[in-house]
Protein backbone atom coordinates (compact mmCIF):
# COMPACT_ATOMS: atom_id res chain seq x y z
CA MET A 1 58.36 55.06 -46.91
CA THR A 2 55.13 54.50 -44.96
CA ALA A 3 53.51 52.49 -47.72
CA THR A 4 56.71 50.50 -48.05
CA LEU A 5 56.87 49.60 -44.36
CA THR A 6 53.20 48.65 -44.28
CA SER A 7 53.37 46.62 -47.48
CA ARG A 8 56.47 44.79 -46.28
CA ALA A 9 54.75 43.91 -43.02
CA VAL A 10 51.77 42.56 -44.97
CA ALA A 11 54.18 40.66 -47.22
CA ALA A 12 55.79 39.08 -44.14
CA CYS A 13 52.39 37.84 -42.96
CA ALA A 14 51.53 36.51 -46.41
CA ALA A 15 54.86 34.71 -46.74
CA SER A 16 54.49 33.17 -43.29
CA ALA A 17 51.07 31.84 -44.26
CA LEU A 18 52.39 30.45 -47.55
CA ASP A 19 55.28 28.79 -45.71
CA ARG A 20 52.80 27.00 -43.46
CA LEU A 21 50.64 25.89 -46.41
CA ILE A 22 53.22 24.89 -49.00
CA PRO A 23 55.78 22.14 -48.33
CA GLU A 24 59.44 22.84 -49.04
CA PRO A 25 60.39 21.77 -52.58
CA PRO A 26 63.09 19.11 -53.09
CA ASN A 27 66.65 20.39 -53.15
CA ARG A 28 66.93 20.24 -56.93
CA TRP A 29 64.17 22.87 -57.15
CA HIS A 30 65.03 24.91 -54.04
CA PRO A 31 66.75 28.31 -54.56
CA VAL A 32 68.60 27.99 -51.25
CA ALA A 33 70.06 24.65 -52.40
CA TRP A 34 71.08 26.29 -55.70
CA PHE A 35 72.83 29.01 -53.73
CA GLY A 36 74.59 26.37 -51.62
CA SER A 37 75.85 24.59 -54.74
CA THR A 38 77.07 27.88 -56.18
CA MET A 39 78.96 28.76 -53.01
CA THR A 40 80.51 25.29 -52.87
CA ALA A 41 81.92 25.97 -56.35
CA VAL A 42 83.15 29.40 -55.22
CA GLU A 43 84.85 27.85 -52.20
CA GLN A 44 86.60 25.26 -54.37
CA ARG A 45 88.02 28.02 -56.58
CA ILE A 46 89.19 30.50 -53.94
CA TRP A 47 89.79 28.57 -50.73
CA LYS A 48 92.97 29.25 -48.80
CA ASP A 49 93.52 29.10 -45.08
CA GLN A 50 93.26 32.89 -44.87
CA ARG A 51 90.67 35.31 -43.50
CA SER A 52 91.06 37.49 -46.58
CA ARG A 53 89.86 34.63 -48.80
CA GLY A 54 86.94 34.10 -46.44
CA VAL A 55 86.04 37.78 -46.72
CA LEU A 56 86.04 37.44 -50.53
CA TYR A 57 83.84 34.34 -50.27
CA THR A 58 81.39 36.10 -47.95
CA ALA A 59 81.25 39.24 -50.09
CA THR A 60 80.51 37.11 -53.15
CA GLY A 61 77.64 35.34 -51.43
CA MET A 62 76.24 38.63 -50.13
CA ALA A 63 76.33 40.10 -53.64
CA ILE A 64 74.45 37.08 -55.00
CA GLY A 65 71.78 37.39 -52.29
CA LEU A 66 71.32 41.12 -52.79
CA GLY A 67 71.28 40.73 -56.57
CA ALA A 68 68.69 37.97 -56.43
CA GLY A 69 66.52 40.15 -54.20
CA ARG A 70 66.71 43.04 -56.65
CA VAL A 71 65.72 40.71 -59.49
CA VAL A 72 62.86 39.09 -57.56
CA ARG A 73 61.63 42.41 -56.11
CA SER A 74 58.62 40.77 -54.45
CA THR A 75 59.13 40.71 -50.67
CA THR A 76 56.44 38.05 -50.35
CA LEU A 77 58.19 35.72 -52.80
CA ALA A 78 61.62 36.34 -51.28
CA LEU A 79 60.37 35.63 -47.77
CA THR A 80 58.53 32.51 -48.90
CA VAL A 81 61.93 31.22 -50.04
CA ALA A 82 63.78 32.45 -46.95
CA VAL A 83 61.40 31.41 -44.17
CA ALA A 84 61.26 27.74 -43.12
CA ALA A 85 58.99 27.54 -40.07
CA ARG A 86 56.98 24.58 -41.37
CA GLN A 87 60.01 22.45 -42.15
CA LEU A 88 61.59 23.24 -38.79
CA GLY A 89 58.44 22.38 -36.87
CA GLU A 90 57.79 19.17 -38.79
CA THR A 91 61.34 17.91 -38.36
CA GLY A 92 61.37 18.64 -34.63
CA GLY A 93 57.87 17.23 -34.24
CA SER A 94 58.74 13.93 -35.86
CA ILE A 95 61.61 13.39 -33.42
CA GLY A 96 59.34 14.33 -30.54
CA ALA A 97 56.76 11.79 -31.73
CA HIS A 98 59.39 9.03 -31.52
CA LEU A 99 60.20 10.03 -27.94
CA LEU A 100 56.54 10.16 -26.93
CA ALA A 101 56.10 6.68 -28.42
CA GLY A 102 59.03 5.42 -26.30
CA ASP A 103 61.20 4.75 -29.36
CA LEU A 104 64.53 6.29 -28.33
CA PRO A 105 66.58 4.53 -31.08
CA ALA A 106 64.33 6.02 -33.78
CA ALA A 107 64.62 9.47 -32.18
CA ARG A 108 68.41 9.16 -32.10
CA HIS A 109 68.42 8.04 -35.73
CA ALA A 110 66.34 11.05 -36.81
CA LEU A 111 68.22 13.65 -34.77
CA PRO A 112 71.05 14.34 -37.29
CA SER A 113 68.43 15.78 -39.66
CA LEU A 114 68.13 18.66 -37.19
CA VAL A 115 71.43 19.02 -35.29
CA GLY A 116 75.08 18.12 -35.78
CA ARG A 117 75.80 16.57 -32.39
CA ASP A 118 76.49 12.84 -31.92
CA PRO A 119 73.20 11.20 -30.83
CA SER A 120 74.56 7.71 -30.14
CA GLU A 121 74.82 8.09 -26.36
CA LEU A 122 71.99 10.55 -25.74
CA ASP A 123 69.15 9.56 -23.43
CA GLU A 124 65.60 10.93 -23.76
CA ALA A 125 66.54 14.17 -22.00
CA GLY A 126 69.57 14.63 -24.25
CA VAL A 127 67.58 14.14 -27.45
CA ALA A 128 64.76 16.37 -26.19
CA ALA A 129 67.23 19.10 -25.20
CA ALA A 130 68.85 18.95 -28.64
CA VAL A 131 65.48 19.38 -30.35
CA VAL A 132 64.28 22.19 -28.08
CA GLU A 133 67.58 24.05 -28.46
CA SER A 134 67.42 23.69 -32.24
CA LEU A 135 63.81 24.85 -32.37
CA ALA A 136 64.78 27.95 -30.38
CA GLU A 137 67.96 28.78 -32.32
CA ASN A 138 66.48 28.07 -35.73
CA SER A 139 63.32 30.02 -34.97
CA VAL A 140 65.68 32.98 -35.12
CA ASP A 141 67.73 31.81 -38.11
CA ALA A 142 64.89 30.43 -40.24
CA VAL A 143 61.92 32.55 -39.17
CA VAL A 144 62.39 35.76 -37.18
CA ALA A 145 65.60 36.99 -38.85
CA PRO A 146 64.41 36.65 -42.47
CA LEU A 147 61.10 38.27 -41.50
CA PHE A 148 62.94 41.11 -39.77
CA TRP A 149 65.27 41.79 -42.69
CA GLY A 150 62.42 41.44 -45.17
CA VAL A 151 60.40 44.10 -43.33
CA VAL A 152 63.46 46.35 -42.96
CA ALA A 153 64.91 45.99 -46.46
CA GLY A 154 62.44 44.12 -48.65
CA ALA A 155 63.39 41.28 -50.99
CA PRO A 156 67.11 42.19 -51.08
CA GLY A 157 67.24 42.16 -47.29
CA ALA A 158 65.47 38.81 -47.01
CA LEU A 159 67.63 37.03 -49.58
CA ALA A 160 70.88 38.66 -48.45
CA TYR A 161 70.13 37.40 -44.94
CA ARG A 162 69.38 33.90 -46.24
CA ALA A 163 72.70 34.00 -48.09
CA ILE A 164 74.56 35.03 -44.91
CA ASN A 165 72.94 32.32 -42.81
CA THR A 166 73.55 29.64 -45.45
CA MET A 167 77.22 30.57 -45.73
CA ASP A 168 77.56 30.41 -41.96
CA ALA A 169 76.07 26.91 -41.98
CA MET A 170 78.50 25.87 -44.71
CA VAL A 171 81.80 27.37 -43.53
CA GLY A 172 81.14 29.20 -40.25
CA HIS A 173 81.65 26.24 -37.91
CA ARG A 174 84.92 25.57 -36.15
CA SER A 175 87.21 23.14 -37.93
CA GLU A 176 90.76 23.05 -39.20
CA ARG A 177 89.62 23.94 -42.72
CA TYR A 178 87.31 26.79 -41.76
CA GLU A 179 88.97 28.33 -38.70
CA SER A 180 90.25 31.25 -40.79
CA PHE A 181 88.27 30.92 -44.02
CA GLY A 182 84.90 30.80 -42.24
CA TRP A 183 85.61 33.67 -39.85
CA ALA A 184 83.95 36.38 -41.95
CA SER A 185 80.79 34.37 -42.60
CA ALA A 186 80.44 33.48 -38.91
CA ARG A 187 80.94 37.05 -37.71
CA LEU A 188 78.55 38.48 -40.29
CA ASP A 189 75.92 35.94 -39.27
CA ASP A 190 76.36 37.00 -35.63
CA ILE A 191 75.77 40.62 -36.62
CA ALA A 192 72.76 39.83 -38.82
CA ASN A 193 71.09 37.80 -36.05
CA TRP A 194 71.83 40.08 -33.09
CA VAL A 195 68.60 42.09 -33.25
CA PRO A 196 66.35 39.20 -34.41
CA ALA A 197 67.53 36.98 -31.53
CA ARG A 198 66.55 39.62 -29.01
CA LEU A 199 63.26 40.24 -30.80
CA PHE A 200 62.56 36.53 -30.49
CA ALA A 201 63.33 36.58 -26.77
CA ALA A 202 61.05 39.60 -26.31
CA ALA A 203 58.31 37.83 -28.28
CA ILE A 204 58.68 34.73 -26.07
CA LEU A 205 58.34 36.99 -23.04
CA ILE A 206 55.18 38.65 -24.40
CA ALA A 207 53.65 35.28 -25.34
CA HIS A 208 54.41 33.72 -21.92
CA PRO A 209 53.70 36.34 -19.25
CA ALA A 210 53.39 33.65 -16.56
CA GLY A 211 57.06 32.77 -17.03
CA ARG A 212 58.25 36.38 -17.07
CA SER A 213 60.68 36.15 -14.16
CA GLN A 214 62.19 32.84 -15.35
CA ILE A 215 62.63 34.10 -18.90
CA ILE A 216 64.27 37.36 -17.84
CA ARG A 217 66.55 35.60 -15.36
CA ALA A 218 67.65 32.98 -17.90
CA VAL A 219 68.37 35.50 -20.64
CA ARG A 220 70.23 37.89 -18.32
CA GLU A 221 72.20 35.42 -16.25
CA ASP A 222 72.59 32.23 -18.32
CA SER A 223 72.85 33.30 -21.96
CA PRO A 224 76.12 35.31 -21.66
CA ALA A 225 78.03 32.08 -20.95
CA HIS A 226 76.86 30.50 -24.22
CA PRO A 227 79.48 30.45 -27.02
CA SER A 228 76.99 32.05 -29.43
CA PRO A 229 75.85 35.62 -28.69
CA ASN A 230 72.49 34.87 -30.31
CA ALA A 231 71.69 31.18 -29.86
CA GLY A 232 72.22 31.53 -26.12
CA VAL A 233 69.59 34.28 -25.94
CA ALA A 234 67.02 32.27 -27.91
CA GLU A 235 67.63 29.02 -26.04
CA SER A 236 67.58 30.72 -22.63
CA ALA A 237 64.26 32.42 -23.42
CA VAL A 238 62.61 29.13 -24.39
CA ALA A 239 64.11 27.33 -21.38
CA GLY A 240 62.67 30.01 -19.11
CA ALA A 241 59.26 29.88 -20.78
CA LEU A 242 59.05 26.10 -20.43
CA GLY A 243 60.59 25.98 -16.95
CA ILE A 244 63.27 23.48 -17.99
CA GLU A 245 67.05 23.26 -18.09
CA LEU A 246 68.91 23.11 -21.40
CA GLY A 247 72.64 22.98 -22.22
CA GLY A 248 75.26 20.63 -20.81
CA THR A 249 77.95 18.46 -22.37
CA LEU A 250 77.69 17.82 -26.12
CA ARG A 251 79.69 15.57 -28.41
CA TYR A 252 80.45 16.33 -32.06
CA GLY A 253 82.34 13.29 -33.30
CA ASP A 254 85.67 13.36 -31.42
CA ARG A 255 85.07 16.90 -30.13
CA VAL A 256 83.39 17.47 -26.77
CA GLU A 257 81.84 20.80 -25.75
CA HIS A 258 80.72 21.71 -22.26
CA ARG A 259 77.84 24.13 -22.81
CA PRO A 260 76.46 26.24 -19.94
CA ARG A 261 73.23 25.26 -18.26
CA LEU A 262 70.36 27.42 -19.49
CA GLY A 263 67.22 27.85 -17.41
CA GLN A 264 66.17 26.29 -14.13
CA GLY A 265 64.03 23.21 -13.68
CA PRO A 266 63.97 19.56 -14.76
CA ARG A 267 65.68 18.32 -17.89
CA PRO A 268 63.36 18.25 -20.94
CA THR A 269 61.35 15.20 -21.98
CA GLY A 270 59.53 14.22 -25.15
CA GLU A 271 56.59 16.34 -23.97
CA SER A 272 58.83 19.42 -23.98
CA ILE A 273 59.15 19.32 -27.77
CA PRO A 274 55.51 20.11 -28.69
CA GLN A 275 55.54 22.72 -25.92
CA ALA A 276 58.62 24.32 -27.50
CA ARG A 277 57.01 24.22 -30.96
CA LYS A 278 53.96 26.02 -29.59
CA ALA A 279 56.15 28.60 -27.83
CA CYS A 280 58.10 29.32 -31.03
CA ASP A 281 54.89 29.57 -33.09
CA ARG A 282 53.47 32.07 -30.60
CA ALA A 283 56.67 34.10 -30.77
CA GLN A 284 56.44 34.23 -34.57
CA ALA A 285 52.85 35.47 -34.30
CA VAL A 286 53.96 38.20 -31.88
CA VAL A 287 56.73 39.31 -34.26
CA LEU A 288 54.32 39.49 -37.20
CA ALA A 289 51.77 41.41 -35.12
CA ALA A 290 54.49 43.85 -34.04
CA ALA A 291 55.50 44.41 -37.67
CA LEU A 292 51.90 45.13 -38.68
CA ILE A 293 51.35 47.48 -35.75
CA ALA A 294 54.57 49.36 -36.56
CA GLY A 295 53.50 49.74 -40.18
CA LEU A 296 50.01 50.93 -39.29
CA CYS A 297 51.28 53.36 -36.65
CA GLN A 298 53.76 54.88 -39.10
CA ARG A 299 51.05 55.17 -41.72
CA ARG A 300 48.71 56.89 -39.28
CA LYS A 301 51.47 59.24 -38.15
CA ASP A 302 52.25 60.31 -41.72
CA THR A 303 48.60 60.91 -42.58
CA THR A 304 47.86 63.12 -39.57
């Protein structure tokens, strides 16, 4: 067990390094895209406006993820597939570069590659808030959570988590088609991300001791009003670390959502995006360091 925990922690560090060095392959060669295509076919065969059908869909996807992990076996390889810190940072950074150059139309045009909200009427603060919120939320979904489950349960854990998160992205959002069918995927994603979201917030706190009081206040007082039990925690932590205010009214096509205000301070600007990227990178480093320390401490305990 000790060797396993230590080796998985080392694998997490190796996979994180590989993710930073190697660009994401095109969709036709990406295992996550293959999984998405497979689950689209499953949905087409079994869809009905029933929670029971959604449970069947989710169980099928989970089985595929766990099975793939058992076949792959290598935690490093599984996590290299599951983690997407480089892609997240590059996408957010490119939008931030447009804002810093004063090109708001280009930033609006690029925003749908990162978030689903309507960018057509967003000002600089609105675009910047969308990017910072996505960097925070997806640092949990695409970085901390797969690392956590990879360290806890190896390759099966990493790829099962990636399957859960992908299914949530496909069918877990609110719409007439997925209100019942997507319920199981959305709830399972909430469960899978509950611990990683709070690990991320703790890592933000450790990496930004100067903002300790703002981070704690935002997470305790602001995040409970967020519709997501996990995204609210991540976004509040980053808002507190940067000393800015996130949230507010969002538009998704014809649907309008009034999100709670997260954090205290001015609304974000283009300069907030590289600051958020740096904060999220520091949090990832803290999480990896914690995994290594846990593995080494357990190894030392078992050898004494």
